[in-house]
Amino acid sequence: MNKLVVSPSPHIHSGLTTAQCMYGVLIALLPAFFVSLYYFGLGALLVTVTAVLSCVVFEYLIQKYLLKGQPTIANGSAILTGVLLAFNLPSNLPLWIVVIGSLFAIGVGKMAFGGLGNNIFNPALAGRIFLLISFPQQMTTWPRPQAFNMALDGETGATTLNILKRGNIDEIINIDVMEMLIGNAGGSFGEVSAIALLAGFAYLLLKRIITWHIPVSIIATVFLFSFFVTLHEGIEYALIFAELQIFSGGLLLGAIFMATDYVTSPMTRGGMILYGVLIGIITVVIRLWGAYPEGMSFAIFIMNGVTPLINNYMRPKRYGEVAKNG
């Protein structure tokens, strides 16, 4: 006899299982991963493997021995959390710090709320922000990319966001956008190649794992806001500055792969667009006037907390409501 199972909303069936969605996102991240291996080599590989293994182990142990439940590591969510956390880290970060970030991401960001589907904040972002606050020096020391790099450490340098933060017009104009597109730029190793991330975006759209609403609204907002804020320096400079804001830092990684998290983002299309616009605004405000050169992680994290409010006030119409009122 079948039992009626009552669960929290939304009750929407798309034909995709949780595992299919998780592994679909992992496939979309492969281009960026391969680029990171090319430019950051062994360091990127070790950080990724450490983050993934520690996330999977921590989730298994917490579910089995603390929550006394059936481990669900096979659905791929812990693996995805580990990959996204790693992509937000420098390739030269000590591995023990990576393990601490994984423990916070899984233990506090995810399992403390009851596991997948109940967490308020994106677990990988929670881990990244925790590490940034706890280990600011290690988290902001960026190795320079080097093709076929097999060293665990190397020469460090400023990222594009650091240059934008300084506001030196001559430095900003001389930045090579093409290098940023292919991934030959400093920063967290998973965020540096715009082309690889956009290829993953195309795959996610093709497979209908995500929709365009959140990423496009974030990117458009950041571009327009950055353009108009710097328009007093001239149209040409404002265009360059806005373009660099899109391709630098973790904007594309966050907009495509982290802000679109099913659990922590709004359900309706209108809510998604509002969510994306506010993330874009907060990101630019932090980048231009905040203490940190990067604001994407904080912006998504803040808006994760606002998502329940958006869902409450931007609800979809009830089935048949239009016809009844018409």
Protein backbone atom coordinates (compact mmCIF):
# COMPACT_ATOMS: atom_id res chain seq x y z
CA MET A 1 0.00 0.00 0.00
CA ASN A 2 1.38 3.39 -1.01
CA LYS A 3 1.72 5.96 1.71
CA LEU A 4 1.03 9.65 1.24
CA VAL A 5 4.28 11.54 1.72
CA VAL A 6 3.92 15.17 2.80
CA SER A 7 6.97 17.37 2.22
CA PRO A 8 7.75 21.10 2.17
CA SER A 9 7.13 23.12 -0.99
CA PRO A 10 7.92 23.66 -3.78
CA HIS A 11 6.27 20.61 -5.28
CA ILE A 12 7.68 20.92 -8.78
CA HIS A 13 8.80 17.94 -10.83
CA SER A 14 11.16 18.55 -13.72
CA GLY A 15 12.17 14.97 -14.48
CA LEU A 16 15.68 15.54 -13.09
CA THR A 17 16.82 13.73 -9.97
CA THR A 18 19.03 15.34 -7.36
CA ALA A 19 21.96 13.21 -8.47
CA GLN A 20 21.45 14.14 -12.14
CA CYS A 21 21.47 17.84 -11.27
CA MET A 22 24.57 17.56 -9.09
CA TYR A 23 26.58 15.53 -11.57
CA GLY A 24 25.35 17.75 -14.40
CA VAL A 25 26.83 20.78 -12.65
CA LEU A 26 30.06 18.86 -12.06
CA ILE A 27 30.29 18.12 -15.79
CA ALA A 28 29.76 21.83 -16.51
CA LEU A 29 32.67 22.65 -14.20
CA LEU A 30 35.11 20.37 -16.04
CA PRO A 31 36.31 23.02 -18.57
CA ALA A 32 37.24 25.40 -15.75
CA PHE A 33 38.93 22.55 -13.88
CA PHE A 34 41.07 21.59 -16.87
CA VAL A 35 42.12 25.22 -17.35
CA SER A 36 43.04 25.46 -13.67
CA LEU A 37 45.21 22.35 -14.00
CA TYR A 38 46.96 23.88 -17.01
CA TYR A 39 47.80 27.16 -15.28
CA PHE A 40 48.04 26.15 -11.60
CA GLY A 41 49.02 22.51 -11.94
CA LEU A 42 49.64 20.30 -8.93
CA GLY A 43 48.48 22.91 -6.44
CA ALA A 44 45.01 23.14 -8.01
CA LEU A 45 44.75 19.35 -8.17
CA LEU A 46 45.72 18.83 -4.53
CA VAL A 47 43.39 21.54 -3.25
CA THR A 48 40.47 20.10 -5.25
CA VAL A 49 41.07 16.50 -4.19
CA THR A 50 41.48 17.53 -0.55
CA ALA A 51 38.30 19.59 -0.55
CA VAL A 52 36.22 16.89 -2.24
CA LEU A 53 37.45 14.02 -0.08
CA SER A 54 37.10 15.95 3.17
CA CYS A 55 33.58 17.16 2.28
CA VAL A 56 32.46 13.62 1.44
CA VAL A 57 34.03 12.14 4.59
CA PHE A 58 32.61 14.84 6.89
CA GLU A 59 29.11 14.50 5.43
CA TYR A 60 29.22 10.71 5.78
CA LEU A 61 30.41 10.83 9.38
CA ILE A 62 27.94 13.51 10.44
CA GLN A 63 24.97 11.79 8.81
CA LYS A 64 25.82 8.33 10.10
CA TYR A 65 27.10 9.00 13.61
CA LEU A 66 25.68 12.37 14.67
CA LEU A 67 22.34 12.55 12.88
CA LYS A 68 21.91 8.75 12.92
CA GLY A 69 20.59 8.77 9.37
CA GLN A 70 21.31 7.10 6.07
CA PRO A 71 24.33 8.72 4.34
CA THR A 72 23.43 10.36 1.02
CA ILE A 73 26.91 11.04 -0.33
CA ALA A 74 26.06 9.14 -3.54
CA ASN A 75 23.82 12.00 -4.73
CA GLY A 76 26.90 14.10 -5.51
CA SER A 77 26.02 17.14 -3.41
CA ALA A 78 29.03 16.75 -1.10
CA ILE A 79 31.32 16.31 -4.11
CA LEU A 80 29.91 19.47 -5.69
CA THR A 81 30.36 21.41 -2.44
CA GLY A 82 33.99 20.31 -2.34
CA VAL A 83 34.65 21.32 -5.95
CA LEU A 84 32.99 24.73 -5.57
CA LEU A 85 34.84 25.38 -2.33
CA ALA A 86 38.14 24.47 -3.98
CA PHE A 87 37.40 26.70 -6.98
CA ASN A 88 37.10 29.64 -4.58
CA LEU A 89 40.54 29.08 -3.04
CA PRO A 90 44.11 29.95 -4.03
CA SER A 91 46.02 27.00 -5.45
CA ASN A 92 48.80 27.50 -2.88
CA LEU A 93 46.51 27.35 0.17
CA PRO A 94 47.81 24.93 2.85
CA LEU A 95 45.79 21.71 2.73
CA TRP A 96 44.98 21.77 6.45
CA ILE A 97 43.15 25.05 5.90
CA VAL A 98 41.21 23.44 3.05
CA VAL A 99 40.10 20.67 5.43
CA ILE A 100 38.92 23.25 7.97
CA GLY A 101 36.93 25.01 5.24
CA SER A 102 35.34 21.71 4.23
CA LEU A 103 34.36 20.95 7.81
CA PHE A 104 32.69 24.35 8.17
CA ALA A 105 30.99 24.09 4.77
CA ILE A 106 29.50 20.65 5.49
CA GLY A 107 29.14 20.71 9.26
CA VAL A 108 27.87 24.27 9.74
CA GLY A 109 26.75 25.42 6.30
CA LYS A 110 24.82 22.28 5.43
CA MET A 111 24.31 19.57 8.06
CA ALA A 112 23.61 21.96 10.96
CA PHE A 113 20.42 22.94 9.12
CA GLY A 114 19.40 19.34 8.50
CA GLY A 115 21.22 18.53 5.29
CA LEU A 116 20.52 19.09 1.61
CA GLY A 117 17.29 20.97 0.99
CA ASN A 118 17.20 22.60 4.42
CA ASN A 119 20.33 24.76 4.38
CA ILE A 120 19.73 28.51 4.23
CA PHE A 121 23.15 29.42 2.83
CA ASN A 122 25.24 27.91 0.06
CA PRO A 123 27.62 25.56 1.95
CA ALA A 124 30.64 26.19 -0.29
CA LEU A 125 30.22 29.95 0.12
CA ALA A 126 29.87 29.55 3.88
CA GLY A 127 33.18 27.66 3.93
CA ARG A 128 34.90 30.21 1.70
CA ILE A 129 33.76 33.21 3.74
CA PHE A 130 34.73 31.49 6.99
CA LEU A 131 38.25 30.87 5.66
CA LEU A 132 38.53 34.42 4.32
CA ILE A 133 37.69 35.88 7.72
CA SER A 134 39.78 33.36 9.66
CA PHE A 135 42.86 33.22 7.42
CA PRO A 136 42.90 36.51 5.49
CA GLN A 137 46.60 36.44 4.62
CA GLN A 138 46.60 32.91 3.21
CA MET A 139 43.29 33.47 1.42
CA THR A 140 44.52 36.61 -0.36
CA THR A 141 47.96 35.42 -1.47
CA TRP A 142 47.57 34.60 -5.15
CA PRO A 143 50.14 32.63 -7.16
CA ARG A 144 50.76 33.79 -10.70
CA PRO A 145 49.46 31.40 -13.37
CA GLN A 146 52.08 29.48 -15.30
CA ALA A 147 51.45 26.98 -18.08
CA PHE A 148 52.15 23.38 -17.04
CA ASN A 149 52.93 24.57 -13.53
CA MET A 150 53.88 21.60 -11.33
CA ALA A 151 55.08 23.61 -8.32
CA LEU A 152 53.10 23.80 -5.10
CA ASP A 153 54.08 27.43 -4.62
CA GLY A 154 55.54 30.14 -6.76
CA GLU A 155 55.68 33.83 -7.44
CA THR A 156 52.64 35.71 -6.21
CA GLY A 157 51.13 38.89 -7.59
CA ALA A 158 48.13 41.18 -7.69
CA THR A 159 44.85 40.08 -9.22
CA THR A 160 42.77 42.11 -11.67
CA LEU A 161 40.42 43.04 -8.83
CA ASN A 162 43.34 44.42 -6.82
CA ILE A 163 44.27 46.63 -9.78
CA LEU A 164 40.66 47.77 -10.19
CA LYS A 165 40.50 48.51 -6.47
CA ARG A 166 43.56 50.76 -6.68
CA GLY A 167 41.81 52.76 -9.39
CA ASN A 168 44.93 53.62 -11.40
CA ILE A 169 43.53 54.44 -14.84
CA ASP A 170 46.75 53.65 -16.70
CA GLU A 171 46.99 50.21 -15.05
CA ILE A 172 43.35 49.42 -15.75
CA ILE A 173 43.48 50.38 -19.43
CA ASN A 174 46.54 48.18 -19.97
CA ILE A 175 44.91 45.01 -18.61
CA ASP A 176 44.75 42.30 -21.30
CA VAL A 177 41.14 41.08 -21.40
CA MET A 178 42.07 38.12 -23.61
CA GLU A 179 44.35 36.75 -20.89
CA MET A 180 41.40 36.86 -18.49
CA LEU A 181 39.18 35.07 -20.99
CA ILE A 182 41.53 32.12 -21.35
CA GLY A 183 42.50 31.95 -17.67
CA ASN A 184 46.00 33.41 -17.61
CA ALA A 185 45.23 35.65 -14.63
CA GLY A 186 45.73 35.59 -10.89
CA GLY A 187 42.98 34.68 -8.46
CA SER A 188 41.15 31.65 -7.12
CA PHE A 189 42.04 28.94 -9.62
CA GLY A 190 38.47 27.99 -10.52
CA GLU A 191 37.37 31.49 -11.41
CA VAL A 192 40.08 32.69 -13.79
CA SER A 193 38.89 31.41 -17.19
CA ALA A 194 35.81 33.26 -18.41
CA ILE A 195 35.52 31.15 -21.57
CA ALA A 196 35.58 27.89 -19.61
CA LEU A 197 32.92 29.14 -17.19
CA LEU A 198 30.71 30.38 -20.03
CA ALA A 199 31.04 26.99 -21.73
CA GLY A 200 29.76 25.42 -18.53
CA PHE A 201 26.91 27.93 -18.48
CA ALA A 202 25.90 26.92 -22.01
CA TYR A 203 25.89 23.26 -20.97
CA LEU A 204 23.69 23.93 -17.93
CA LEU A 205 21.21 25.87 -20.07
CA LEU A 206 21.20 23.17 -22.75
CA LYS A 207 20.46 20.48 -20.16
CA ARG A 208 17.91 22.76 -18.45
CA ILE A 209 19.61 22.31 -15.11
CA ILE A 210 19.39 26.07 -14.52
CA THR A 211 17.64 28.97 -16.25
CA TRP A 212 19.18 32.21 -17.51
CA HIS A 213 17.39 34.53 -15.08
CA ILE A 214 19.86 34.69 -12.17
CA PRO A 215 23.18 34.68 -14.07
CA VAL A 216 22.06 37.17 -16.72
CA SER A 217 20.49 39.55 -14.20
CA ILE A 218 23.68 39.52 -12.10
CA ILE A 219 26.01 40.06 -15.06
CA ALA A 220 23.83 42.80 -16.59
CA THR A 221 23.48 44.62 -13.28
CA VAL A 222 27.22 44.55 -12.56
CA PHE A 223 28.02 45.79 -16.06
CA LEU A 224 25.48 48.64 -16.05
CA PHE A 225 26.17 49.73 -12.47
CA SER A 226 29.95 49.72 -13.03
CA PHE A 227 29.54 51.60 -16.31
CA PHE A 228 27.42 54.42 -14.91
CA VAL A 229 29.49 54.78 -11.73
CA THR A 230 32.65 55.41 -13.80
CA LEU A 231 31.02 57.30 -16.67
CA HIS A 232 32.49 60.57 -15.42
CA GLU A 233 35.91 59.26 -16.54
CA GLY A 234 34.68 58.95 -20.12
CA ILE A 235 32.65 56.41 -22.08
CA GLU A 236 35.69 54.43 -23.27
CA TYR A 237 37.09 54.01 -19.77
CA ALA A 238 33.65 53.19 -18.32
CA LEU A 239 33.18 50.42 -20.90
CA ILE A 240 36.59 48.93 -20.15
CA PHE A 241 36.02 49.14 -16.39
CA ALA A 242 32.58 47.49 -16.64
CA GLU A 243 33.94 44.74 -18.90
CA LEU A 244 36.75 43.99 -16.47
CA GLN A 245 34.28 43.77 -13.60
CA ILE A 246 32.48 40.97 -15.44
CA PHE A 247 35.53 38.89 -16.33
CA SER A 248 37.52 39.38 -13.12
CA GLY A 249 37.22 37.73 -9.74
CA GLY A 250 34.54 35.21 -8.99
CA LEU A 251 31.68 36.97 -10.72
CA LEU A 252 31.06 34.41 -13.46
CA LEU A 253 31.74 31.45 -11.17
CA GLY A 254 29.36 32.84 -8.56
CA ALA A 255 26.66 33.96 -10.97
CA ILE A 256 26.54 30.69 -12.92
CA PHE A 257 27.34 27.99 -10.38
CA MET A 258 26.67 29.34 -6.88
CA ALA A 259 23.88 31.91 -6.99
CA THR A 260 21.76 29.40 -8.96
CA ASP A 261 21.78 26.81 -6.16
CA TYR A 262 18.23 25.39 -6.05
CA VAL A 263 17.94 25.41 -2.27
CA THR A 264 19.16 28.94 -1.56
CA SER A 265 17.73 30.87 -4.55
CA PRO A 266 14.15 32.08 -5.21
CA MET A 267 11.55 29.86 -6.87
CA THR A 268 9.80 32.30 -9.21
CA ARG A 269 11.28 33.92 -12.29
CA GLY A 270 10.54 37.40 -11.03
CA GLY A 271 12.12 36.52 -7.70
CA MET A 272 15.21 35.18 -9.48
CA ILE A 273 15.65 38.43 -11.41
CA LEU A 274 15.24 40.57 -8.28
CA TYR A 275 17.67 38.28 -6.47
CA GLY A 276 20.21 38.59 -9.28
CA VAL A 277 19.89 42.38 -9.52
CA LEU A 278 20.46 42.82 -5.79
CA ILE A 279 23.47 40.47 -5.87
CA GLY A 280 24.93 42.55 -8.70
CA ILE A 281 24.41 45.82 -6.83
CA ILE A 282 25.89 44.52 -3.57
CA THR A 283 28.87 43.05 -5.43
CA VAL A 284 29.77 46.36 -7.09
CA VAL A 285 29.25 48.33 -3.87
CA ILE A 286 31.66 46.05 -1.99
CA ARG A 287 34.19 46.01 -4.85
CA LEU A 288 34.27 49.79 -5.21
CA TRP A 289 33.77 51.03 -1.66
CA GLY A 290 34.20 48.04 0.66
CA ALA A 291 37.27 46.73 2.46
CA TYR A 292 37.63 43.70 0.18
CA PRO A 293 38.36 43.88 -3.55
CA GLU A 294 35.90 41.03 -4.15
CA GLY A 295 32.26 41.18 -3.10
CA MET A 296 30.60 38.32 -4.98
CA SER A 297 30.72 35.77 -2.16
CA PHE A 298 29.35 38.22 0.39
CA ALA A 299 26.63 39.39 -1.99
CA ILE A 300 25.35 35.87 -2.67
CA PHE A 301 25.61 34.97 1.02
CA ILE A 302 23.56 38.04 2.01
CA MET A 303 20.92 37.35 -0.62
CA ASN A 304 20.70 33.69 0.43
CA GLY A 305 19.36 35.05 3.70
CA VAL A 306 16.85 37.24 1.84
CA THR A 307 15.57 34.40 -0.37
CA PRO A 308 12.80 33.27 2.05
CA LEU A 309 11.50 36.85 2.09
CA ILE A 310 11.52 37.01 -1.72
CA ASN A 311 9.69 33.69 -1.91
CA ASN A 312 7.11 34.94 0.57
CA TYR A 313 6.27 38.15 -1.32
CA MET A 314 6.78 36.96 -4.89
CA ARG A 315 4.68 33.84 -4.95
CA PRO A 316 3.43 32.22 -8.18
CA LYS A 317 -0.27 32.52 -8.90
CA ARG A 318 -2.41 29.61 -7.80
CA TYR A 319 -3.38 27.12 -10.45
CA GLY A 320 -6.56 28.35 -12.16
CA GLU A 321 -6.49 31.75 -10.47
CA VAL A 322 -6.31 33.77 -13.72
CA ALA A 323 -9.14 31.84 -15.32
CA LYS A 324 -11.31 32.22 -12.22
CA ASN A 325 -10.73 35.94 -11.92
CA GLY A 326 -11.15 36.38 -15.66
